[in-house]
C-alpha cells in the first residue's frame, strides 16, 4: 500500500535530527508531497517528524496526479486546519487515513 506524506510546517530552527529526517524523506519545502510504500522504516521516520507532516493511504489516480506535479503542490483551498493540533482534534498534522485524498485534491488545483 502506498501512502502520501505532506510537509505542513517549516523546520527552520528545529533540531538537526528532525531536519535530517525530513531531508531524507525528500520533504524539503512546505506543501511538498511524497508517495512511498508503507514500511516500518517509513513509519519510524513519520513518528519522528509527526508534528510537521500529515499522511494517509493514497488512491492510484491521486498518486499519479501528485507525481505528475513532482510533489510540488499549492496550499490547500480552505487550509489544513490548525497545524499545531492533531487531525483527530480538528487540526492539521498526523494520520488523516482516507481523508488524505480529499486534502490532495484541494492542493492540486
Protein backbone atom coordinates (compact mmCIF):
# COMPACT_ATOMS: atom_id res chain seq x y z
CA UNK A 1 0.00 0.00 0.00
CA UNK A 2 1.25 3.48 -0.85
CA UNK A 3 0.91 6.44 1.47
CA UNK A 4 1.16 10.15 0.79
CA UNK A 5 3.13 12.35 3.19
CA UNK A 6 2.75 16.14 3.03
CA UNK A 7 5.00 18.61 4.86
CA UNK A 8 2.86 21.16 6.72
CA UNK A 9 5.33 23.34 8.59
CA UNK A 10 8.80 24.77 8.21
CA UNK A 11 11.54 23.02 10.15
CA UNK A 12 13.62 26.20 10.43
CA UNK A 13 15.23 26.46 13.86
CA UNK A 14 14.43 22.87 14.80
CA UNK A 15 16.89 20.18 15.86
CA UNK A 16 19.33 18.77 13.33
CA UNK A 17 18.00 15.17 13.62
CA UNK A 18 14.47 16.36 12.77
CA UNK A 19 15.72 18.41 9.80
CA UNK A 20 17.86 15.50 8.60
CA UNK A 21 14.91 13.09 8.76
CA UNK A 22 12.72 15.43 6.70
CA UNK A 23 15.52 15.79 4.12
CA UNK A 24 16.00 12.01 3.96
CA UNK A 25 12.29 11.66 3.28
CA UNK A 26 12.59 14.21 0.46
CA UNK A 27 10.38 16.80 2.18
CA UNK A 28 12.35 19.99 1.63
CA UNK A 29 9.63 22.64 1.41
CA UNK A 30 6.21 23.27 2.89
CA UNK A 31 3.33 21.78 0.83
CA UNK A 32 5.67 19.20 -0.71
CA UNK A 33 4.25 15.69 -1.03
CA UNK A 34 5.91 12.31 -1.42
CA UNK A 35 4.33 8.97 -2.25
CA UNK A 36 6.06 5.98 -0.60
CA UNK A 37 5.42 2.36 0.28
CA UNK A 38 4.07 1.84 3.81
CA UNK A 39 7.00 0.14 5.55
CA UNK A 40 8.20 0.01 9.14
CA UNK A 41 11.14 2.29 8.26
CA UNK A 42 8.76 4.93 6.86
CA UNK A 43 6.54 4.62 9.95
CA UNK A 44 9.57 5.23 12.16
CA UNK A 45 10.51 8.36 10.22
CA UNK A 46 6.92 9.61 10.37
CA UNK A 47 6.87 9.10 14.14
CA UNK A 48 10.00 11.25 14.42
CA UNK A 49 8.54 14.18 12.40
CA UNK A 50 4.85 13.68 13.21
CA UNK A 51 4.08 17.29 14.14
CA UNK A 52 5.42 18.54 10.79
CA UNK A 53 3.58 16.20 8.40
CA UNK A 54 0.19 14.76 7.57
CA UNK A 55 -0.20 11.39 5.88
CA UNK A 56 -2.56 8.61 4.82
CA UNK A 57 -3.17 5.90 2.20
CA UNK A 58 -3.47 7.40 -1.26
CA UNK A 59 -5.50 6.20 -4.26
CA UNK A 60 -3.71 5.41 -7.51
CA UNK A 61 -5.31 8.24 -9.52
CA UNK A 62 -4.43 10.90 -6.91
CA UNK A 63 -0.89 9.47 -6.59
CA UNK A 64 -0.42 9.80 -10.37
CA UNK A 65 -1.57 13.43 -10.32
CA UNK A 66 0.80 14.26 -7.43
CA UNK A 67 3.71 12.56 -9.19
CA UNK A 68 2.92 14.49 -12.40
CA UNK A 69 3.41 17.71 -10.40
CA UNK A 70 6.64 16.26 -8.92
CA UNK A 71 5.20 16.63 -5.42
CA UNK A 72 5.20 20.44 -5.53
CA UNK A 73 1.65 21.31 -4.51
CA UNK A 74 -0.17 24.55 -3.78
CA UNK A 75 -1.58 25.35 -0.32
CA UNK A 76 -4.96 23.62 0.06
CA UNK A 77 -8.18 25.51 -0.54
CA UNK A 78 -9.78 26.10 2.89
CA UNK A 79 -6.46 25.28 4.59
CA UNK A 80 -5.20 22.34 6.61
CA UNK A 81 -6.89 23.15 9.88
CA UNK A 82 -4.84 24.34 12.86
CA UNK A 83 -1.38 22.93 12.02
CA UNK A 84 -0.30 22.73 15.65
CA UNK A 85 -3.13 20.34 16.57
CA UNK A 86 -3.51 16.71 15.52
CA UNK A 87 -6.04 15.83 12.81
CA UNK A 88 -8.14 13.94 15.36
CA UNK A 89 -8.74 17.25 17.18
CA UNK A 90 -9.71 19.28 14.08
CA UNK A 91 -6.06 20.10 13.43
CA UNK A 92 -3.70 19.59 10.54
CA UNK A 93 -0.94 17.11 11.39
CA UNK A 94 -0.99 13.36 11.78
CA UNK A 95 -2.80 10.43 10.18
CA UNK A 96 -5.74 11.50 8.02
CA UNK A 97 -6.48 7.95 6.86
CA UNK A 98 -8.51 8.08 3.60
CA UNK A 99 -9.19 11.82 4.01
CA UNK A 100 -5.65 12.50 2.72
CA UNK A 101 -7.13 12.10 -0.77
CA UNK A 102 -9.55 14.99 -0.15
CA UNK A 103 -6.65 17.17 1.05
CA UNK A 104 -4.54 16.32 -2.00
CA UNK A 105 -7.43 17.14 -4.35
CA UNK A 106 -7.65 20.58 -2.73
CA UNK A 107 -3.88 21.03 -3.22
CA UNK A 108 -3.89 20.03 -6.91
CA UNK A 109 -5.96 22.97 -8.18
